Amino acid sequence: SALYWIKKAVEINPTSHHSSEWIHIKILQAKLKAKDNQKYLWEHSILS
């Protein structure tokens, strides 16, 4: 749900917070990919 609403926020105003919400989207995508596996998040860069 968080990813849905952040993407919606970016669609409405892509320049908010110095156009930084793409980072928030990357974070949420990494969380969903990890599926609460902290080890995965420690081993993989968020922004590559």
All heavy atoms as atom14 arrays in JSON, in Angstrom:
{
  "sequence": "SALYWIKKAVEINPTSHHSSEWIHIKILQAKLKAKDNQKYLWEHSILS",
  "atom14_mask": [
    [1, 1, 1, 1, 1, 1, 0, 0, 0, 0, 0, 0, 0, 0],
    [1, 1, 1, 1, 1, 0, 0, 0, 0, 0, 0, 0, 0, 0],
    [1, 1, 1, 1, 1, 1, 1, 1, 0, 0, 0, 0, 0, 0],
    [1, 1, 1, 1, 1, 1, 1, 1, 1, 1, 1, 1, 0, 0],
    [1, 1, 1, 1, 1, 1, 1, 1, 1, 1, 1, 1, 1, 1],
    [1, 1, 1, 1, 1, 1, 1, 1, 0, 0, 0, 0, 0, 0],
    [1, 1, 1, 1, 1, 1, 1, 1, 1, 0, 0, 0, 0, 0],
    [1, 1, 1, 1, 1, 1, 1, 1, 1, 0, 0, 0, 0, 0],
    [1, 1, 1, 1, 1, 0, 0, 0, 0, 0, 0, 0, 0, 0],
    [1, 1, 1, 1, 1, 1, 1, 0, 0, 0, 0, 0, 0, 0],
    [1, 1, 1, 1, 1, 1, 1, 1, 1, 0, 0, 0, 0, 0],
    [1, 1, 1, 1, 1, 1, 1, 1, 0, 0, 0, 0, 0, 0],
    [1, 1, 1, 1, 1, 1, 1, 1, 0, 0, 0, 0, 0, 0],
    [1, 1, 1, 1, 1, 1, 1, 0, 0, 0, 0, 0, 0, 0],
    [1, 1, 1, 1, 1, 1, 1, 0, 0, 0, 0, 0, 0, 0],
    [1, 1, 1, 1, 1, 1, 0, 0, 0, 0, 0, 0, 0, 0],
    [1, 1, 1, 1, 1, 1, 1, 1, 1, 1, 0, 0, 0, 0],
    [1, 1, 1, 1, 1, 1, 1, 1, 1, 1, 0, 0, 0, 0],
    [1, 1, 1, 1, 1, 1, 0, 0, 0, 0, 0, 0, 0, 0],
    [1, 1, 1, 1, 1, 1, 0, 0, 0, 0, 0, 0, 0, 0],
    [1, 1, 1, 1, 1, 1, 1, 1, 1, 0, 0, 0, 0, 0],
    [1, 1, 1, 1, 1, 1, 1, 1, 1, 1, 1, 1, 1, 1],
    [1, 1, 1, 1, 1, 1, 1, 1, 0, 0, 0, 0, 0, 0],
    [1, 1, 1, 1, 1, 1, 1, 1, 1, 1, 0, 0, 0, 0],
    [1, 1, 1, 1, 1, 1, 1, 1, 0, 0, 0, 0, 0, 0],
    [1, 1, 1, 1, 1, 1, 1, 1, 1, 0, 0, 0, 0, 0],
    [1, 1, 1, 1, 1, 1, 1, 1, 0, 0, 0, 0, 0, 0],
    [1, 1, 1, 1, 1, 1, 1, 1, 0, 0, 0, 0, 0, 0],
    [1, 1, 1, 1, 1, 1, 1, 1, 1, 0, 0, 0, 0, 0],
    [1, 1, 1, 1, 1, 0, 0, 0, 0, 0, 0, 0, 0, 0],
    [1, 1, 1, 1, 1, 1, 1, 1, 1, 0, 0, 0, 0, 0],
    [1, 1, 1, 1, 1, 1, 1, 1, 0, 0, 0, 0, 0, 0],
    [1, 1, 1, 1, 1, 1, 1, 1, 1, 0, 0, 0, 0, 0],
    [1, 1, 1, 1, 1, 0, 0, 0, 0, 0, 0, 0, 0, 0],
    [1, 1, 1, 1, 1, 1, 1, 1, 1, 0, 0, 0, 0, 0],
    [1, 1, 1, 1, 1, 1, 1, 1, 0, 0, 0, 0, 0, 0],
    [1, 1, 1, 1, 1, 1, 1, 1, 0, 0, 0, 0, 0, 0],
    [1, 1, 1, 1, 1, 1, 1, 1, 1, 0, 0, 0, 0, 0],
    [1, 1, 1, 1, 1, 1, 1, 1, 1, 0, 0, 0, 0, 0],
    [1, 1, 1, 1, 1, 1, 1, 1, 1, 1, 1, 1, 0, 0],
    [1, 1, 1, 1, 1, 1, 1, 1, 0, 0, 0, 0, 0, 0],
    [1, 1, 1, 1, 1, 1, 1, 1, 1, 1, 1, 1, 1, 1],
    [1, 1, 1, 1, 1, 1, 1, 1, 1, 0, 0, 0, 0, 0],
    [1, 1, 1, 1, 1, 1, 1, 1, 1, 1, 0, 0, 0, 0],
    [1, 1, 1, 1, 1, 1, 0, 0, 0, 0, 0, 0, 0, 0],
    [1, 1, 1, 1, 1, 1, 1, 1, 0, 0, 0, 0, 0, 0],
    [1, 1, 1, 1, 1, 1, 1, 1, 0, 0, 0, 0, 0, 0],
    [1, 1, 1, 1, 1, 1, 0, 0, 0, 0, 0, 0, 0, 0]
  ],
  "atom14_positions": [
    [[0.84, -1.21, 0.0], [0.0, 0.0, 0.0], [0.87, 1.26, 0.0], [0.53, 2.25, -0.66], [-0.92, 0.0, 1.22], [-1.82, -1.09, 1.18], [0.0, 0.0, 0.0], [0.0, 0.0, 0.0], [0.0, 0.0, 0.0], [0.0, 0.0, 0.0], [0.0, 0.0, 0.0], [0.0, 0.0, 0.0], [0.0, 0.0, 0.0], [0.0, 0.0, 0.0]],
    [[1.97, 1.19, 0.71], [2.88, 2.33, 0.75], [3.39, 2.66, -0.64], [3.42, 3.82, -1.07], [4.04, 2.05, 1.7], [0.0, 0.0, 0.0], [0.0, 0.0, 0.0], [0.0, 0.0, 0.0], [0.0, 0.0, 0.0], [0.0, 0.0, 0.0], [0.0, 0.0, 0.0], [0.0, 0.0, 0.0], [0.0, 0.0, 0.0], [0.0, 0.0, 0.0]],
    [[3.81, 1.63, -1.38], [4.34, 1.83, -2.73], [3.26, 2.41, -3.65], [3.54, 3.31, -4.46], [4.86, 0.5, -3.29], [5.49, 0.56, -4.69], [6.66, 1.52, -4.72], [5.94, -0.83, -5.12], [0.0, 0.0, 0.0], [0.0, 0.0, 0.0], [0.0, 0.0, 0.0], [0.0, 0.0, 0.0], [0.0, 0.0, 0.0], [0.0, 0.0, 0.0]],
    [[2.04, 1.92, -3.52], [0.94, 2.43, -4.34], [0.76, 3.93, -4.15], [0.65, 4.7, -5.11], [-0.36, 1.69, -3.99], [-1.59, 2.33, -4.62], [-1.95, 2.04, -5.94], [-2.38, 3.22, -3.89], [-3.07, 2.63, -6.51], [-3.5, 3.82, -4.46], [-3.83, 3.52, -5.77], [-4.92, 4.12, -6.35], [0.0, 0.0, 0.0], [0.0, 0.0, 0.0]],
    [[0.75, 4.36, -2.88], [0.46, 5.77, -2.6], [1.65, 6.68, -2.89], [1.47, 7.82, -3.32], [-0.01, 5.92, -1.15], [-1.43, 5.48, -0.97], [-1.87, 4.33, -0.4], [-2.59, 6.18, -1.43], [-3.23, 4.26, -0.45], [-3.71, 5.38, -1.07], [-2.8, 7.38, -2.09], [-5.02, 5.77, -1.37], [-4.11, 7.77, -2.38], [-5.19, 6.97, -2.02]],
    [[2.86, 6.19, -2.7], [4.02, 7.01, -3.05], [4.11, 7.2, -4.56], [4.4, 8.3, -5.04], [5.33, 6.39, -2.49], [5.33, 6.44, -0.96], [6.55, 7.13, -3.04], [5.26, 7.84, -0.37], [0.0, 0.0, 0.0], [0.0, 0.0, 0.0], [0.0, 0.0, 0.0], [0.0, 0.0, 0.0], [0.0, 0.0, 0.0], [0.0, 0.0, 0.0]],
    [[3.84, 6.15, -5.32], [3.82, 6.29, -6.77], [2.73, 7.27, -7.2], [2.93, 8.08, -8.13], [3.57, 4.92, -7.43], [4.8, 4.03, -7.48], [4.51, 2.75, -8.25], [5.77, 1.92, -8.43], [5.51, 0.67, -9.2], [0.0, 0.0, 0.0], [0.0, 0.0, 0.0], [0.0, 0.0, 0.0], [0.0, 0.0, 0.0], [0.0, 0.0, 0.0]],
    [[1.61, 7.22, -6.54], [0.51, 8.14, -6.85], [0.92, 9.58, -6.53], [0.62, 10.51, -7.3], [-0.74, 7.75, -6.04], [-2.0, 8.48, -6.45], [-3.19, 7.94, -5.7], [-4.5, 8.59, -6.16], [-4.83, 8.25, -7.55], [0.0, 0.0, 0.0], [0.0, 0.0, 0.0], [0.0, 0.0, 0.0], [0.0, 0.0, 0.0], [0.0, 0.0, 0.0]],
    [[1.64, 9.75, -5.42], [2.12, 11.09, -5.04], [3.08, 11.64, -6.09], [3.03, 12.82, -6.44], [2.8, 11.03, -3.67], [0.0, 0.0, 0.0], [0.0, 0.0, 0.0], [0.0, 0.0, 0.0], [0.0, 0.0, 0.0], [0.0, 0.0, 0.0], [0.0, 0.0, 0.0], [0.0, 0.0, 0.0], [0.0, 0.0, 0.0], [0.0, 0.0, 0.0]],
    [[3.96, 10.77, -6.6], [4.92, 11.19, -7.63], [4.2, 11.59, -8.91], [4.59, 12.55, -9.59], [5.95, 10.09, -7.89], [6.82, 10.44, -9.1], [6.82, 9.87, -6.66], [0.0, 0.0, 0.0], [0.0, 0.0, 0.0], [0.0, 0.0, 0.0], [0.0, 0.0, 0.0], [0.0, 0.0, 0.0], [0.0, 0.0, 0.0], [0.0, 0.0, 0.0]],
    [[3.14, 10.87, -9.25], [2.35, 11.22, -10.45], [1.73, 12.61, -10.3], [1.67, 13.38, -11.26], [1.25, 10.18, -10.66], [1.74, 8.82, -11.13], [0.62, 7.8, -11.2], [-0.55, 8.21, -11.0], [0.89, 6.62, -11.47], [0.0, 0.0, 0.0], [0.0, 0.0, 0.0], [0.0, 0.0, 0.0], [0.0, 0.0, 0.0], [0.0, 0.0, 0.0]],
    [[1.29, 12.93, -9.09], [0.65, 14.22, -8.86], [1.68, 15.35, -8.84], [1.49, 16.41, -9.44], [-0.13, 14.2, -7.53], [-1.24, 13.15, -7.58], [-0.73, 15.58, -7.22], [-1.88, 12.87, -6.24], [0.0, 0.0, 0.0], [0.0, 0.0, 0.0], [0.0, 0.0, 0.0], [0.0, 0.0, 0.0], [0.0, 0.0, 0.0], [0.0, 0.0, 0.0]],
    [[2.81, 15.11, -8.15], [3.84, 16.16, -8.02], [5.22, 15.52, -8.04], [5.79, 15.21, -7.0], [3.64, 16.96, -6.73], [4.63, 18.1, -6.6], [5.41, 18.37, -7.51], [4.61, 18.78, -5.46], [0.0, 0.0, 0.0], [0.0, 0.0, 0.0], [0.0, 0.0, 0.0], [0.0, 0.0, 0.0], [0.0, 0.0, 0.0], [0.0, 0.0, 0.0]],
    [[5.78, 15.34, -9.23], [7.08, 14.66, -9.35], [8.26, 15.48, -8.83], [9.35, 14.93, -8.64], [7.22, 14.42, -10.86], [6.34, 15.44, -11.5], [5.2, 15.67, -10.55], [0.0, 0.0, 0.0], [0.0, 0.0, 0.0], [0.0, 0.0, 0.0], [0.0, 0.0, 0.0], [0.0, 0.0, 0.0], [0.0, 0.0, 0.0], [0.0, 0.0, 0.0]],
    [[8.09, 16.78, -8.6], [9.21, 17.63, -8.19], [9.29, 17.83, -6.68], [10.2, 18.53, -6.21], [9.12, 19.01, -8.87], [7.91, 19.66, -8.45], [9.13, 18.87, -10.38], [0.0, 0.0, 0.0], [0.0, 0.0, 0.0], [0.0, 0.0, 0.0], [0.0, 0.0, 0.0], [0.0, 0.0, 0.0], [0.0, 0.0, 0.0], [0.0, 0.0, 0.0]],
    [[8.38, 17.26, -5.92], [8.4, 17.46, -4.47], [9.66, 16.88, -3.83], [10.23, 15.91, -4.32], [7.17, 16.8, -3.85], [7.17, 16.97, -2.45], [0.0, 0.0, 0.0], [0.0, 0.0, 0.0], [0.0, 0.0, 0.0], [0.0, 0.0, 0.0], [0.0, 0.0, 0.0], [0.0, 0.0, 0.0], [0.0, 0.0, 0.0], [0.0, 0.0, 0.0]],
    [[10.09, 17.52, -2.74], [11.29, 17.07, -2.0], [12.5, 16.96, -2.92], [13.2, 15.94, -2.93], [11.04, 15.73, -1.3], [9.92, 15.74, -0.3], [9.92, 16.54, 0.82], [8.76, 15.05, -0.28], [8.81, 16.34, 1.5], [8.08, 15.46, 0.86], [0.0, 0.0, 0.0], [0.0, 0.0, 0.0], [0.0, 0.0, 0.0], [0.0, 0.0, 0.0]],
    [[12.73, 17.99, -3.71], [13.86, 18.02, -4.66], [13.79, 16.85, -5.65], [14.82, 16.29, -6.04], [15.2, 17.98, -3.91], [15.39, 19.11, -2.96], [15.61, 20.41, -3.36], [15.4, 19.13, -1.6], [15.75, 21.18, -2.3], [15.61, 20.44, -1.22], [0.0, 0.0, 0.0], [0.0, 0.0, 0.0], [0.0, 0.0, 0.0], [0.0, 0.0, 0.0]],
    [[12.56, 16.46, -6.01], [12.34, 15.33, -6.94], [12.99, 14.05, -6.42], [13.51, 13.23, -7.19], [12.91, 15.67, -8.33], [12.34, 16.86, -8.84], [0.0, 0.0, 0.0], [0.0, 0.0, 0.0], [0.0, 0.0, 0.0], [0.0, 0.0, 0.0], [0.0, 0.0, 0.0], [0.0, 0.0, 0.0], [0.0, 0.0, 0.0], [0.0, 0.0, 0.0]],
    [[12.9, 13.85, -5.11], [13.63, 12.72, -4.48], [12.78, 11.49, -4.21], [13.28, 10.48, -3.73], [14.23, 13.18, -3.15], [13.21, 13.45, -2.2], [0.0, 0.0, 0.0], [0.0, 0.0, 0.0], [0.0, 0.0, 0.0], [0.0, 0.0, 0.0], [0.0, 0.0, 0.0], [0.0, 0.0, 0.0], [0.0, 0.0, 0.0], [0.0, 0.0, 0.0]],
    [[11.48, 11.54, -4.53], [10.63, 10.41, -4.15], [10.94, 9.13, -4.93], [10.51, 8.05, -4.56], [9.15, 10.78, -4.32], [8.64, 11.76, -3.26], [8.5, 11.13, -1.88], [9.18, 10.12, -1.59], [7.69, 11.63, -1.08], [0.0, 0.0, 0.0], [0.0, 0.0, 0.0], [0.0, 0.0, 0.0], [0.0, 0.0, 0.0], [0.0, 0.0, 0.0]],
    [[11.72, 9.25, -6.01], [12.17, 8.03, -6.7], [13.0, 7.16, -5.75], [12.99, 5.92, -5.87], [12.98, 8.39, -7.95], [14.3, 9.04, -7.69], [14.55, 10.37, -7.53], [15.56, 8.37, -7.56], [15.89, 10.59, -7.3], [16.53, 9.38, -7.32], [15.98, 7.05, -7.62], [17.89, 9.09, -7.13], [17.32, 6.76, -7.44], [18.26, 7.77, -7.2]],
    [[13.69, 7.82, -4.81], [14.47, 7.07, -3.81], [13.53, 6.31, -2.89], [13.77, 5.14, -2.55], [15.37, 8.02, -3.01], [16.4, 8.68, -3.93], [16.08, 7.27, -1.88], [17.27, 9.72, -3.25], [0.0, 0.0, 0.0], [0.0, 0.0, 0.0], [0.0, 0.0, 0.0], [0.0, 0.0, 0.0], [0.0, 0.0, 0.0], [0.0, 0.0, 0.0]],
    [[12.43, 6.96, -2.5], [11.44, 6.31, -1.63], [10.85, 5.08, -2.35], [10.65, 4.02, -1.74], [10.34, 7.3, -1.28], [9.54, 6.91, -0.09], [8.67, 7.76, 0.56], [9.45, 5.74, 0.59], [8.09, 7.13, 1.57], [8.56, 5.9, 1.62], [0.0, 0.0, 0.0], [0.0, 0.0, 0.0], [0.0, 0.0, 0.0], [0.0, 0.0, 0.0]],
    [[10.6, 5.24, -3.63], [10.08, 4.11, -4.41], [11.08, 2.96, -4.44], [10.72, 1.78, -4.26], [9.73, 4.57, -5.84], [8.49, 5.47, -5.81], [9.48, 3.36, -6.76], [8.16, 6.12, -7.13], [0.0, 0.0, 0.0], [0.0, 0.0, 0.0], [0.0, 0.0, 0.0], [0.0, 0.0, 0.0], [0.0, 0.0, 0.0], [0.0, 0.0, 0.0]],
    [[12.36, 3.27, -4.63], [13.41, 2.25, -4.63], [13.47, 1.53, -3.28], [13.66, 0.31, -3.22], [14.77, 2.9, -4.92], [14.98, 3.33, -6.35], [15.4, 2.15, -7.22], [15.85, 2.59, -8.58], [16.23, 1.44, -9.44], [0.0, 0.0, 0.0], [0.0, 0.0, 0.0], [0.0, 0.0, 0.0], [0.0, 0.0, 0.0], [0.0, 0.0, 0.0]],
    [[13.31, 2.28, -2.21], [13.34, 1.69, -0.87], [12.19, 0.69, -0.7], [12.39, -0.44, -0.23], [13.24, 2.78, 0.21], [14.51, 3.63, 0.23], [12.98, 2.18, 1.58], [14.41, 4.88, 1.07], [0.0, 0.0, 0.0], [0.0, 0.0, 0.0], [0.0, 0.0, 0.0], [0.0, 0.0, 0.0], [0.0, 0.0, 0.0], [0.0, 0.0, 0.0]],
    [[11.0, 1.1, -1.09], [9.83, 0.24, -0.94], [9.94, -1.0, -1.83], [9.56, -2.11, -1.43], [8.56, 1.02, -1.25], [8.22, 2.11, -0.22], [7.13, 3.03, -0.75], [7.83, 1.5, 1.11], [0.0, 0.0, 0.0], [0.0, 0.0, 0.0], [0.0, 0.0, 0.0], [0.0, 0.0, 0.0], [0.0, 0.0, 0.0], [0.0, 0.0, 0.0]],
    [[10.45, -0.82, -3.04], [10.65, -1.97, -3.92], [11.65, -2.96, -3.34], [11.47, -4.18, -3.44], [11.11, -1.48, -5.3], [10.01, -0.77, -6.09], [10.52, -0.14, -7.37], [11.71, 0.18, -7.49], [9.63, 0.08, -8.32], [0.0, 0.0, 0.0], [0.0, 0.0, 0.0], [0.0, 0.0, 0.0], [0.0, 0.0, 0.0], [0.0, 0.0, 0.0]],
    [[12.72, -2.43, -2.72], [13.71, -3.3, -2.08], [13.09, -4.06, -0.91], [13.36, -5.25, -0.72], [14.9, -2.47, -1.61], [0.0, 0.0, 0.0], [0.0, 0.0, 0.0], [0.0, 0.0, 0.0], [0.0, 0.0, 0.0], [0.0, 0.0, 0.0], [0.0, 0.0, 0.0], [0.0, 0.0, 0.0], [0.0, 0.0, 0.0], [0.0, 0.0, 0.0]],
    [[12.25, -3.38, -0.14], [11.58, -4.03, 1.0], [10.68, -5.17, 0.52], [10.66, -6.25, 1.11], [10.76, -3.01, 1.78], [11.56, -2.12, 2.71], [10.62, -1.27, 3.55], [11.35, -0.55, 4.65], [10.42, 0.16, 5.55], [0.0, 0.0, 0.0], [0.0, 0.0, 0.0], [0.0, 0.0, 0.0], [0.0, 0.0, 0.0], [0.0, 0.0, 0.0]],
    [[9.94, -4.91, -0.54], [9.04, -5.94, -1.06], [9.82, -7.11, -1.64], [9.42, -8.27, -1.48], [8.14, -5.33, -2.14], [7.06, -4.36, -1.61], [6.39, -3.63, -2.76], [6.03, -5.1, -0.78], [0.0, 0.0, 0.0], [0.0, 0.0, 0.0], [0.0, 0.0, 0.0], [0.0, 0.0, 0.0], [0.0, 0.0, 0.0], [0.0, 0.0, 0.0]],
    [[10.94, -6.82, -2.27], [11.77, -7.89, -2.83], [12.4, -8.72, -1.72], [12.55, -9.94, -1.83], [12.85, -7.28, -3.72], [13.59, -8.31, -4.57], [14.49, -7.62, -5.59], [15.14, -8.65, -6.5], [16.0, -8.03, -7.54], [0.0, 0.0, 0.0], [0.0, 0.0, 0.0], [0.0, 0.0, 0.0], [0.0, 0.0, 0.0], [0.0, 0.0, 0.0]],
    [[12.78, -8.05, -0.63], [13.42, -8.75, 0.48], [12.44, -9.6, 1.27], [12.83, -10.6, 1.89], [14.08, -7.74, 1.41], [0.0, 0.0, 0.0], [0.0, 0.0, 0.0], [0.0, 0.0, 0.0], [0.0, 0.0, 0.0], [0.0, 0.0, 0.0], [0.0, 0.0, 0.0], [0.0, 0.0, 0.0], [0.0, 0.0, 0.0], [0.0, 0.0, 0.0]],
    [[11.16, -9.2, 1.27], [10.12, -9.91, 2.03], [10.53, -10.07, 3.5], [10.53, -11.17, 4.06], [9.83, -11.27, 1.4], [9.27, -11.18, 0.0], [8.99, -12.55, -0.58], [8.42, -12.43, -2.0], [8.19, -13.76, -2.62], [0.0, 0.0, 0.0], [0.0, 0.0, 0.0], [0.0, 0.0, 0.0], [0.0, 0.0, 0.0], [0.0, 0.0, 0.0]],
    [[10.9, -8.94, 4.09], [11.31, -8.89, 5.51], [12.58, -9.66, 5.8], [12.89, -9.95, 6.97], [10.19, -9.4, 6.42], [8.95, -8.52, 6.33], [9.11, -7.29, 6.2], [7.84, -9.06, 6.39], [0.0, 0.0, 0.0], [0.0, 0.0, 0.0], [0.0, 0.0, 0.0], [0.0, 0.0, 0.0], [0.0, 0.0, 0.0], [0.0, 0.0, 0.0]],
    [[13.35, -10.0, 4.78], [14.63, -10.67, 4.96], [15.72, -9.61, 5.14], [16.23, -9.05, 4.17], [14.95, -11.56, 3.76], [16.28, -12.28, 3.91], [16.98, -12.13, 4.92], [16.64, -13.06, 2.91], [0.0, 0.0, 0.0], [0.0, 0.0, 0.0], [0.0, 0.0, 0.0], [0.0, 0.0, 0.0], [0.0, 0.0, 0.0], [0.0, 0.0, 0.0]],
    [[16.06, -9.32, 6.38], [17.05, -8.28, 6.68], [18.41, -8.6, 6.06], [19.13, -7.69, 5.65], [17.19, -8.12, 8.2], [15.99, -7.48, 8.87], [15.91, -5.98, 8.61], [16.81, -5.23, 8.94], [14.81, -5.55, 8.02], [0.0, 0.0, 0.0], [0.0, 0.0, 0.0], [0.0, 0.0, 0.0], [0.0, 0.0, 0.0], [0.0, 0.0, 0.0]],
    [[18.74, -9.87, 5.96], [20.03, -10.26, 5.38], [20.12, -9.79, 3.93], [21.17, -9.31, 3.48], [20.21, -11.78, 5.47], [21.57, -12.24, 4.99], [21.73, -13.75, 5.15], [23.11, -14.21, 4.66], [23.28, -15.68, 4.77], [0.0, 0.0, 0.0], [0.0, 0.0, 0.0], [0.0, 0.0, 0.0], [0.0, 0.0, 0.0], [0.0, 0.0, 0.0]],
    [[19.02, -9.93, 3.2], [19.0, -9.48, 1.81], [19.27, -7.98, 1.73], [20.04, -7.52, 0.88], [17.65, -9.81, 1.17], [17.5, -9.25, -0.23], [17.91, -9.97, -1.34], [16.95, -7.98, -0.43], [17.79, -9.46, -2.63], [16.82, -7.44, -1.71], [17.24, -8.19, -2.8], [17.13, -7.65, -4.07], [0.0, 0.0, 0.0], [0.0, 0.0, 0.0]],
    [[18.63, -7.22, 2.61], [18.79, -5.76, 2.59], [20.2, -5.34, 2.97], [20.72, -4.35, 2.45], [17.77, -5.11, 3.52], [16.3, -5.23, 3.08], [15.38, -4.7, 4.16], [16.07, -4.5, 1.76], [0.0, 0.0, 0.0], [0.0, 0.0, 0.0], [0.0, 0.0, 0.0], [0.0, 0.0, 0.0], [0.0, 0.0, 0.0], [0.0, 0.0, 0.0]],
    [[20.84, -6.08, 3.87], [22.22, -5.76, 4.25], [23.17, -6.04, 3.08], [24.17, -5.34, 2.92], [22.66, -6.58, 5.46], [22.15, -6.07, 6.78], [21.29, -6.7, 7.63], [22.47, -4.82, 7.41], [21.05, -5.93, 8.74], [21.76, -4.76, 8.63], [23.26, -3.73, 7.05], [21.83, -3.67, 9.5], [23.33, -2.65, 7.91], [22.63, -2.63, 9.11]],
    [[22.85, -7.02, 2.28], [23.77, -7.46, 1.23], [23.55, -6.76, -0.11], [24.36, -6.9, -1.02], [23.63, -8.98, 1.03], [24.11, -9.78, 2.23], [23.85, -11.27, 2.08], [23.1, -11.64, 1.12], [24.37, -12.06, 2.89], [0.0, 0.0, 0.0], [0.0, 0.0, 0.0], [0.0, 0.0, 0.0], [0.0, 0.0, 0.0], [0.0, 0.0, 0.0]],
    [[22.48, -6.0, -0.25], [22.17, -5.36, -1.53], [22.01, -3.85, -1.37], [21.29, -3.38, -0.48], [20.88, -5.95, -2.14], [21.03, -7.37, -2.56], [20.96, -8.43, -1.66], [21.24, -7.93, -3.78], [21.13, -9.57, -2.31], [21.3, -9.29, -3.6], [0.0, 0.0, 0.0], [0.0, 0.0, 0.0], [0.0, 0.0, 0.0], [0.0, 0.0, 0.0]],
    [[22.67, -3.13, -2.24], [22.54, -1.67, -2.25], [21.14, -1.26, -2.7], [20.55, -1.91, -3.58], [23.58, -1.05, -3.2], [23.33, 0.32, -3.4], [0.0, 0.0, 0.0], [0.0, 0.0, 0.0], [0.0, 0.0, 0.0], [0.0, 0.0, 0.0], [0.0, 0.0, 0.0], [0.0, 0.0, 0.0], [0.0, 0.0, 0.0], [0.0, 0.0, 0.0]],
    [[20.62, -0.2, -2.11], [19.27, 0.25, -2.45], [19.27, 0.94, -3.82], [18.4, 0.71, -4.65], [18.73, 1.21, -1.38], [18.76, 0.55, 0.01], [17.3, 1.66, -1.73], [17.98, -0.72, 0.11], [0.0, 0.0, 0.0], [0.0, 0.0, 0.0], [0.0, 0.0, 0.0], [0.0, 0.0, 0.0], [0.0, 0.0, 0.0], [0.0, 0.0, 0.0]],
    [[20.25, 1.79, -4.06], [20.27, 2.61, -5.28], [21.24, 2.09, -6.33], [21.28, 2.63, -7.44], [20.62, 4.06, -4.93], [19.71, 4.74, -3.89], [20.13, 6.19, -3.71], [18.25, 4.67, -4.31], [0.0, 0.0, 0.0], [0.0, 0.0, 0.0], [0.0, 0.0, 0.0], [0.0, 0.0, 0.0], [0.0, 0.0, 0.0], [0.0, 0.0, 0.0]],
    [[22.04, 1.09, -6.0], [23.01, 0.51, -6.94], [23.95, 1.56, -7.53], [24.29, 1.52, -8.72], [22.28, -0.23, -8.07], [21.47, -1.26, -7.55], [0.0, 0.0, 0.0], [0.0, 0.0, 0.0], [0.0, 0.0, 0.0], [0.0, 0.0, 0.0], [0.0, 0.0, 0.0], [0.0, 0.0, 0.0], [0.0, 0.0, 0.0], [0.0, 0.0, 0.0]]
  ]
}
